[in-house]
Amino acid sequence: MTPDARATPPTDAATSARFKKQKRRDTKPEVALRKELHRAGLRYFVDKPPLKGMRRRADVVFPRRRVAVYVDGCFWHSCPVHATHPRNNAQWWADKLAANVARDRDTDRRLDEAGWTVVRIWEHEDPAVAAVRVTEAVRPGA
């Protein structure tokens, strides 16, 4: 991101206000996934950094099994199926969304190097199907 891009507001005031209302945790897709995981008998931590000193928080964490689960929003994490690209201040948003994706890959790499399994789920995925993927990561071979 260019230094000047931060100085330029990304959107008009109304859009900025709407984005500020976005939840950081407990979104509908996260809650739906957690319900499925709980129904499967799994217990977990919510909105927790997987590694000490890591400022990035996972949506669901299984510390004993070293599994971190992220429920990624299609807009914010550039879903290959549903990503949209704002036309207002397009370059600012392109830089912002690319930085989000780069941060996601860096998080995946760091956790992998520390011996963790990362499960990434798109917000549009069926929660029951996603819960099976998580369960397989938490209970391999079960």
N, C-alpha and C. Protein backbone atom coordinates (compact mmCIF):
# COMPACT_ATOMS: atom_id res chain seq x y z
N MET A 1 0.85 -1.17 0.00
CA MET A 1 0.00 0.00 0.00
C MET A 1 0.89 1.23 0.00
N THR A 2 0.57 2.16 -0.85
CA THR A 2 1.38 3.37 -0.92
C THR A 2 1.10 4.24 0.30
N PRO A 3 2.09 5.05 0.74
CA PRO A 3 1.87 5.91 1.90
C PRO A 3 0.69 6.86 1.71
N ASP A 4 0.50 7.37 0.49
CA ASP A 4 -0.60 8.29 0.24
C ASP A 4 -1.96 7.61 0.30
N ALA A 5 -2.00 6.31 0.07
CA ALA A 5 -3.27 5.58 0.06
C ALA A 5 -3.93 5.63 1.44
N ARG A 6 -3.15 5.61 2.49
CA ARG A 6 -3.72 5.67 3.84
C ARG A 6 -4.35 7.04 4.11
N ALA A 7 -3.82 8.09 3.52
CA ALA A 7 -4.33 9.43 3.75
C ALA A 7 -5.66 9.65 3.03
N THR A 8 -5.91 8.93 1.96
CA THR A 8 -7.14 9.06 1.21
C THR A 8 -8.21 8.20 1.86
N PRO A 9 -9.37 8.77 2.20
CA PRO A 9 -10.41 7.93 2.79
C PRO A 9 -10.88 6.87 1.79
N PRO A 10 -11.11 5.65 2.25
CA PRO A 10 -11.47 4.57 1.34
C PRO A 10 -12.85 4.72 0.73
N THR A 11 -13.75 5.40 1.42
CA THR A 11 -15.13 5.49 0.96
C THR A 11 -15.74 6.80 1.41
N ASP A 12 -16.98 6.99 1.03
CA ASP A 12 -17.71 8.16 1.52
C ASP A 12 -18.10 7.91 2.98
N ALA A 13 -18.61 8.91 3.65
CA ALA A 13 -18.92 8.83 5.09
C ALA A 13 -19.95 7.74 5.40
N ALA A 14 -20.98 7.62 4.57
CA ALA A 14 -22.02 6.63 4.83
C ALA A 14 -21.47 5.21 4.73
N THR A 15 -20.65 4.97 3.73
CA THR A 15 -20.07 3.64 3.56
C THR A 15 -19.10 3.35 4.70
N SER A 16 -18.30 4.32 5.08
CA SER A 16 -17.38 4.13 6.20
C SER A 16 -18.15 3.78 7.47
N ALA A 17 -19.24 4.45 7.72
CA ALA A 17 -20.06 4.17 8.91
C ALA A 17 -20.59 2.74 8.86
N ARG A 18 -21.02 2.29 7.68
CA ARG A 18 -21.53 0.92 7.54
C ARG A 18 -20.42 -0.10 7.81
N PHE A 19 -19.21 0.16 7.27
CA PHE A 19 -18.10 -0.76 7.50
C PHE A 19 -17.69 -0.81 8.97
N LYS A 20 -17.78 0.31 9.66
CA LYS A 20 -17.41 0.33 11.09
C LYS A 20 -18.33 -0.54 11.93
N LYS A 21 -19.54 -0.78 11.43
CA LYS A 21 -20.50 -1.62 12.16
C LYS A 21 -20.24 -3.11 11.96
N GLN A 22 -19.33 -3.46 11.05
CA GLN A 22 -19.02 -4.86 10.81
C GLN A 22 -18.48 -5.50 12.09
N LYS A 23 -19.02 -6.66 12.42
CA LYS A 23 -18.54 -7.37 13.61
C LYS A 23 -17.16 -7.95 13.35
N ARG A 24 -16.34 -7.96 14.38
CA ARG A 24 -15.02 -8.58 14.29
C ARG A 24 -15.11 -10.05 14.68
N ARG A 25 -16.08 -10.37 15.51
CA ARG A 25 -16.28 -11.76 15.93
C ARG A 25 -17.77 -12.03 16.07
N ASP A 26 -18.10 -13.30 16.21
CA ASP A 26 -19.49 -13.73 16.36
C ASP A 26 -20.37 -13.37 15.16
N THR A 27 -19.80 -13.46 13.97
CA THR A 27 -20.61 -13.25 12.77
C THR A 27 -21.52 -14.46 12.58
N LYS A 28 -22.53 -14.32 11.75
CA LYS A 28 -23.46 -15.43 11.52
C LYS A 28 -22.75 -16.69 11.04
N PRO A 29 -21.81 -16.59 10.06
CA PRO A 29 -21.12 -17.82 9.64
C PRO A 29 -20.28 -18.45 10.77
N GLU A 30 -19.65 -17.63 11.60
CA GLU A 30 -18.86 -18.16 12.71
C GLU A 30 -19.75 -18.89 13.71
N VAL A 31 -20.85 -18.25 14.08
CA VAL A 31 -21.76 -18.85 15.06
C VAL A 31 -22.36 -20.14 14.52
N ALA A 32 -22.74 -20.15 13.25
CA ALA A 32 -23.29 -21.37 12.64
C ALA A 32 -22.28 -22.51 12.67
N LEU A 33 -21.01 -22.20 12.35
CA LEU A 33 -19.97 -23.22 12.40
C LEU A 33 -19.77 -23.71 13.83
N ARG A 34 -19.70 -22.80 14.78
CA ARG A 34 -19.48 -23.20 16.17
C ARG A 34 -20.61 -24.09 16.69
N LYS A 35 -21.84 -23.80 16.28
CA LYS A 35 -22.97 -24.66 16.69
C LYS A 35 -22.78 -26.08 16.17
N GLU A 36 -22.34 -26.18 14.91
CA GLU A 36 -22.10 -27.51 14.32
C GLU A 36 -20.96 -28.23 15.04
N LEU A 37 -19.90 -27.50 15.36
CA LEU A 37 -18.77 -28.11 16.07
C LEU A 37 -19.19 -28.57 17.46
N HIS A 38 -19.97 -27.76 18.14
CA HIS A 38 -20.44 -28.13 19.48
C HIS A 38 -21.34 -29.35 19.40
N ARG A 39 -22.21 -29.37 18.38
CA ARG A 39 -23.10 -30.52 18.17
C ARG A 39 -22.29 -31.80 17.94
N ALA A 40 -21.10 -31.65 17.34
CA ALA A 40 -20.23 -32.81 17.08
C ALA A 40 -19.43 -33.20 18.31
N GLY A 41 -19.63 -32.49 19.41
CA GLY A 41 -18.96 -32.84 20.65
C GLY A 41 -17.61 -32.17 20.84
N LEU A 42 -17.27 -31.23 19.98
CA LEU A 42 -15.98 -30.55 20.09
C LEU A 42 -16.10 -29.33 20.99
N ARG A 43 -15.05 -29.09 21.76
CA ARG A 43 -14.98 -27.91 22.61
C ARG A 43 -13.76 -27.12 22.19
N TYR A 44 -13.84 -25.81 22.26
CA TYR A 44 -12.85 -24.95 21.62
C TYR A 44 -12.82 -23.59 22.30
N PHE A 45 -11.84 -22.80 21.91
CA PHE A 45 -11.76 -21.41 22.32
C PHE A 45 -12.20 -20.54 21.14
N VAL A 46 -12.71 -19.37 21.44
CA VAL A 46 -13.22 -18.46 20.42
C VAL A 46 -12.40 -17.18 20.42
N ASP A 47 -12.06 -16.69 19.22
CA ASP A 47 -11.39 -15.41 19.05
C ASP A 47 -10.14 -15.33 19.92
N LYS A 48 -9.22 -16.22 19.63
CA LYS A 48 -8.01 -16.36 20.46
C LYS A 48 -6.78 -16.44 19.56
N PRO A 49 -5.67 -15.81 19.99
CA PRO A 49 -4.44 -15.99 19.22
C PRO A 49 -3.93 -17.42 19.41
N PRO A 50 -3.65 -18.12 18.34
CA PRO A 50 -3.16 -19.50 18.48
C PRO A 50 -1.78 -19.57 19.16
N LEU A 51 -0.92 -18.60 18.87
CA LEU A 51 0.43 -18.60 19.43
C LEU A 51 0.61 -17.41 20.37
N LYS A 52 1.33 -17.63 21.44
CA LYS A 52 1.64 -16.52 22.35
C LYS A 52 2.41 -15.46 21.58
N GLY A 53 2.05 -14.22 21.81
CA GLY A 53 2.72 -13.11 21.15
C GLY A 53 2.24 -12.83 19.74
N MET A 54 1.37 -13.67 19.23
CA MET A 54 0.84 -13.46 17.88
C MET A 54 -0.39 -12.57 17.98
N ARG A 55 -0.37 -11.45 17.30
CA ARG A 55 -1.47 -10.50 17.39
C ARG A 55 -2.67 -10.92 16.56
N ARG A 56 -2.52 -11.89 15.70
CA ARG A 56 -3.61 -12.35 14.84
C ARG A 56 -4.40 -13.42 15.58
N ARG A 57 -5.71 -13.24 15.59
CA ARG A 57 -6.59 -14.12 16.34
C ARG A 57 -7.32 -15.07 15.39
N ALA A 58 -7.47 -16.30 15.81
CA ALA A 58 -8.25 -17.26 15.04
C ALA A 58 -9.69 -17.21 15.54
N ASP A 59 -10.63 -17.57 14.68
CA ASP A 59 -12.03 -17.56 15.07
C ASP A 59 -12.36 -18.70 16.02
N VAL A 60 -11.77 -19.86 15.79
CA VAL A 60 -11.95 -21.03 16.64
C VAL A 60 -10.58 -21.67 16.82
N VAL A 61 -10.24 -22.02 18.07
CA VAL A 61 -8.91 -22.58 18.34
C VAL A 61 -9.04 -23.85 19.19
N PHE A 62 -8.30 -24.87 18.78
CA PHE A 62 -8.18 -26.12 19.52
C PHE A 62 -6.71 -26.23 19.93
N PRO A 63 -6.31 -25.63 21.06
CA PRO A 63 -4.88 -25.54 21.39
C PRO A 63 -4.20 -26.90 21.59
N ARG A 64 -4.86 -27.85 22.21
CA ARG A 64 -4.22 -29.16 22.44
C ARG A 64 -3.97 -29.89 21.14
N ARG A 65 -4.83 -29.71 20.18
CA ARG A 65 -4.68 -30.36 18.88
C ARG A 65 -3.94 -29.48 17.88
N ARG A 66 -3.66 -28.25 18.30
CA ARG A 66 -2.93 -27.29 17.46
C ARG A 66 -3.63 -27.08 16.12
N VAL A 67 -4.92 -26.77 16.22
CA VAL A 67 -5.73 -26.48 15.05
C VAL A 67 -6.33 -25.08 15.21
N ALA A 68 -6.14 -24.25 14.20
CA ALA A 68 -6.70 -22.90 14.18
C ALA A 68 -7.66 -22.80 13.00
N VAL A 69 -8.85 -22.29 13.27
CA VAL A 69 -9.89 -22.19 12.25
C VAL A 69 -10.21 -20.72 12.00
N TYR A 70 -10.24 -20.35 10.73
CA TYR A 70 -10.58 -18.99 10.32
C TYR A 70 -11.80 -19.05 9.42
N VAL A 71 -12.81 -18.25 9.73
CA VAL A 71 -13.97 -18.13 8.87
C VAL A 71 -13.81 -16.80 8.14
N ASP A 72 -13.44 -16.88 6.88
CA ASP A 72 -13.11 -15.70 6.09
C ASP A 72 -14.31 -15.17 5.32
N GLY A 73 -14.51 -13.86 5.43
CA GLY A 73 -15.57 -13.20 4.67
C GLY A 73 -15.17 -13.08 3.21
N CYS A 74 -16.14 -13.28 2.33
CA CYS A 74 -15.86 -13.27 0.89
C CYS A 74 -15.31 -11.92 0.43
N PHE A 75 -15.85 -10.82 0.94
CA PHE A 75 -15.35 -9.50 0.52
C PHE A 75 -13.96 -9.25 1.08
N TRP A 76 -13.82 -9.36 2.39
CA TRP A 76 -12.59 -8.94 3.07
C TRP A 76 -11.39 -9.81 2.73
N HIS A 77 -11.62 -11.06 2.34
CA HIS A 77 -10.50 -11.97 2.08
C HIS A 77 -10.43 -12.40 0.62
N SER A 78 -11.16 -11.72 -0.24
CA SER A 78 -11.10 -11.91 -1.70
C SER A 78 -11.41 -13.34 -2.14
N CYS A 79 -12.59 -13.79 -1.78
CA CYS A 79 -13.05 -15.12 -2.20
C CYS A 79 -12.96 -15.26 -3.71
N PRO A 80 -12.41 -16.38 -4.21
CA PRO A 80 -12.29 -16.56 -5.65
C PRO A 80 -13.65 -16.68 -6.35
N VAL A 81 -14.71 -16.97 -5.60
CA VAL A 81 -16.03 -17.13 -6.19
C VAL A 81 -16.87 -15.85 -6.05
N HIS A 82 -16.83 -15.22 -4.86
CA HIS A 82 -17.74 -14.13 -4.56
C HIS A 82 -17.09 -12.76 -4.34
N ALA A 83 -15.82 -12.64 -4.55
CA ALA A 83 -15.15 -11.36 -4.28
C ALA A 83 -15.74 -10.25 -5.15
N THR A 84 -15.87 -9.09 -4.54
CA THR A 84 -16.28 -7.90 -5.28
C THR A 84 -15.21 -6.85 -5.10
N HIS A 85 -15.17 -5.91 -6.02
CA HIS A 85 -14.13 -4.88 -5.98
C HIS A 85 -14.80 -3.52 -6.09
N PRO A 86 -14.75 -2.73 -5.02
CA PRO A 86 -15.38 -1.41 -5.05
C PRO A 86 -14.81 -0.54 -6.17
N ARG A 87 -15.68 0.28 -6.73
CA ARG A 87 -15.25 1.19 -7.79
C ARG A 87 -14.78 2.52 -7.22
N ASN A 88 -15.39 2.95 -6.11
CA ASN A 88 -14.92 4.17 -5.45
C ASN A 88 -13.57 3.89 -4.83
N ASN A 89 -12.60 4.73 -5.15
CA ASN A 89 -11.25 4.60 -4.60
C ASN A 89 -10.71 3.18 -4.83
N ALA A 90 -10.84 2.73 -6.05
CA ALA A 90 -10.54 1.34 -6.43
C ALA A 90 -9.12 0.90 -6.05
N GLN A 91 -8.14 1.75 -6.26
CA GLN A 91 -6.76 1.35 -5.96
C GLN A 91 -6.55 1.16 -4.46
N TRP A 92 -7.14 2.04 -3.66
CA TRP A 92 -7.03 1.90 -2.20
C TRP A 92 -7.59 0.55 -1.77
N TRP A 93 -8.77 0.21 -2.28
CA TRP A 93 -9.40 -1.06 -1.92
C TRP A 93 -8.62 -2.25 -2.46
N ALA A 94 -8.09 -2.16 -3.66
CA ALA A 94 -7.29 -3.26 -4.21
C ALA A 94 -6.09 -3.52 -3.32
N ASP A 95 -5.42 -2.44 -2.88
CA ASP A 95 -4.26 -2.58 -1.99
C ASP A 95 -4.67 -3.17 -0.64
N LYS A 96 -5.78 -2.68 -0.10
CA LYS A 96 -6.27 -3.14 1.20
C LYS A 96 -6.60 -4.63 1.16
N LEU A 97 -7.36 -5.05 0.16
CA LEU A 97 -7.77 -6.45 0.08
C LEU A 97 -6.58 -7.36 -0.22
N ALA A 98 -5.65 -6.90 -1.05
CA ALA A 98 -4.43 -7.69 -1.31
C ALA A 98 -3.61 -7.84 -0.04
N ALA A 99 -3.55 -6.80 0.77
CA ALA A 99 -2.82 -6.88 2.04
C ALA A 99 -3.49 -7.88 2.98
N ASN A 100 -4.82 -7.92 2.99
CA ASN A 100 -5.53 -8.91 3.81
C ASN A 100 -5.16 -10.33 3.41
N VAL A 101 -5.15 -10.59 2.11
CA VAL A 101 -4.82 -11.93 1.60
C VAL A 101 -3.36 -12.27 1.93
N ALA A 102 -2.47 -11.31 1.76
CA ALA A 102 -1.05 -11.55 2.09
C ALA A 102 -0.89 -11.85 3.57
N ARG A 103 -1.63 -11.14 4.42
CA ARG A 103 -1.57 -11.39 5.86
C ARG A 103 -2.10 -12.79 6.18
N ASP A 104 -3.17 -13.20 5.50
CA ASP A 104 -3.71 -14.55 5.70
C ASP A 104 -2.65 -15.61 5.36
N ARG A 105 -1.98 -15.45 4.22
CA ARG A 105 -0.96 -16.43 3.83
C ARG A 105 0.21 -16.42 4.82
N ASP A 106 0.59 -15.25 5.31
CA ASP A 106 1.66 -15.16 6.29
C ASP A 106 1.26 -15.85 7.59
N THR A 107 0.03 -15.67 8.00
CA THR A 107 -0.49 -16.33 9.20
C THR A 107 -0.45 -17.84 9.02
N ASP A 108 -0.91 -18.32 7.86
CA ASP A 108 -0.88 -19.75 7.57
C ASP A 108 0.54 -20.29 7.66
N ARG A 109 1.48 -19.57 7.06
CA ARG A 109 2.89 -20.00 7.05
C ARG A 109 3.44 -20.06 8.47
N ARG A 110 3.20 -19.02 9.26
CA ARG A 110 3.72 -18.98 10.64
C ARG A 110 3.18 -20.13 11.48
N LEU A 111 1.88 -20.36 11.35
CA LEU A 111 1.28 -21.44 12.13
C LEU A 111 1.78 -22.80 11.67
N ASP A 112 1.91 -22.98 10.37
CA ASP A 112 2.44 -24.23 9.82
C ASP A 112 3.85 -24.48 10.35
N GLU A 113 4.68 -23.46 10.34
CA GLU A 113 6.05 -23.60 10.85
C GLU A 113 6.08 -23.93 12.33
N ALA A 114 5.04 -23.52 13.07
CA ALA A 114 4.97 -23.81 14.50
C ALA A 114 4.27 -25.14 14.78
N GLY A 115 3.93 -25.88 13.71
CA GLY A 115 3.32 -27.20 13.89
C GLY A 115 1.80 -27.19 14.01
N TRP A 116 1.16 -26.13 13.61
CA TRP A 116 -0.28 -26.03 13.67
C TRP A 116 -0.92 -26.40 12.33
N THR A 117 -2.17 -26.83 12.41
CA THR A 117 -2.99 -27.04 11.22
C THR A 117 -3.94 -25.86 11.12
N VAL A 118 -4.01 -25.27 9.94
CA VAL A 118 -4.92 -24.15 9.71
C VAL A 118 -6.05 -24.63 8.81
N VAL A 119 -7.28 -24.34 9.23
CA VAL A 119 -8.45 -24.64 8.42
C VAL A 119 -9.10 -23.30 8.08
N ARG A 120 -9.21 -23.03 6.80
CA ARG A 120 -9.85 -21.79 6.34
C ARG A 120 -11.19 -22.14 5.71
N ILE A 121 -12.19 -21.42 6.14
CA ILE A 121 -13.56 -21.66 5.69
C ILE A 121 -14.11 -20.35 5.15
N TRP A 122 -14.73 -20.40 3.99
CA TRP A 122 -15.37 -19.20 3.44
C TRP A 122 -16.73 -19.04 4.07
N GLU A 123 -17.15 -17.81 4.25
CA GLU A 123 -18.43 -17.52 4.89
C GLU A 123 -19.61 -18.17 4.17
N HIS A 124 -19.49 -18.43 2.86
CA HIS A 124 -20.60 -19.00 2.09
C HIS A 124 -20.67 -20.52 2.19
N GLU A 125 -19.68 -21.14 2.80
CA GLU A 125 -19.69 -22.61 2.89
C GLU A 125 -20.77 -23.09 3.85
N ASP A 126 -21.32 -24.25 3.54
CA ASP A 126 -22.31 -24.88 4.40
C ASP A 126 -21.66 -25.19 5.75
N PRO A 127 -22.23 -24.73 6.86
CA PRO A 127 -21.60 -24.95 8.17
C PRO A 127 -21.42 -26.42 8.53
N ALA A 128 -22.36 -27.27 8.13
CA ALA A 128 -22.24 -28.69 8.46
C ALA A 128 -21.07 -29.32 7.70
N VAL A 129 -20.89 -28.96 6.45
CA VAL A 129 -19.78 -29.48 5.65
C VAL A 129 -18.45 -28.94 6.20
N ALA A 130 -18.44 -27.66 6.53
CA ALA A 130 -17.23 -27.05 7.09
C ALA A 130 -16.87 -27.70 8.43
N ALA A 131 -17.88 -28.02 9.24
CA ALA A 131 -17.63 -28.65 10.53
C ALA A 131 -16.98 -30.02 10.37
N VAL A 132 -17.34 -30.73 9.30
CA VAL A 132 -16.72 -32.04 9.03
C VAL A 132 -15.23 -31.83 8.75
N ARG A 133 -14.88 -30.82 7.96
CA ARG A 133 -13.46 -30.53 7.68
C ARG A 133 -12.70 -30.21 8.96
N VAL A 134 -13.32 -29.42 9.82
CA VAL A 134 -12.67 -29.06 11.08
C VAL A 134 -12.51 -30.31 11.95
N THR A 135 -13.56 -31.09 12.04
CA THR A 135 -13.52 -32.32 12.87
C THR A 135 -12.42 -33.25 12.38
N GLU A 136 -12.26 -33.38 11.07
CA GLU A 136 -11.21 -34.23 10.53
C GLU A 136 -9.82 -33.71 10.89
N ALA A 137 -9.69 -32.40 10.98
CA ALA A 137 -8.39 -31.82 11.38
C ALA A 137 -8.13 -32.01 12.87
N VAL A 138 -9.19 -31.93 13.66
CA VAL A 138 -9.04 -32.06 15.12
C VAL A 138 -8.90 -33.52 15.53
N ARG A 139 -9.64 -34.39 14.86
CA ARG A 139 -9.64 -35.83 15.17
C ARG A 139 -9.24 -36.60 13.93
N PRO A 140 -7.97 -36.56 13.55
CA PRO A 140 -7.57 -37.28 12.33
C PRO A 140 -7.85 -38.78 12.46
N GLY A 141 -8.39 -39.34 11.40
CA GLY A 141 -8.66 -40.78 11.38
C GLY A 141 -9.90 -41.19 12.14
N ALA A 142 -10.62 -40.25 12.72
CA ALA A 142 -11.81 -40.62 13.50
C ALA A 142 -13.01 -40.77 12.61
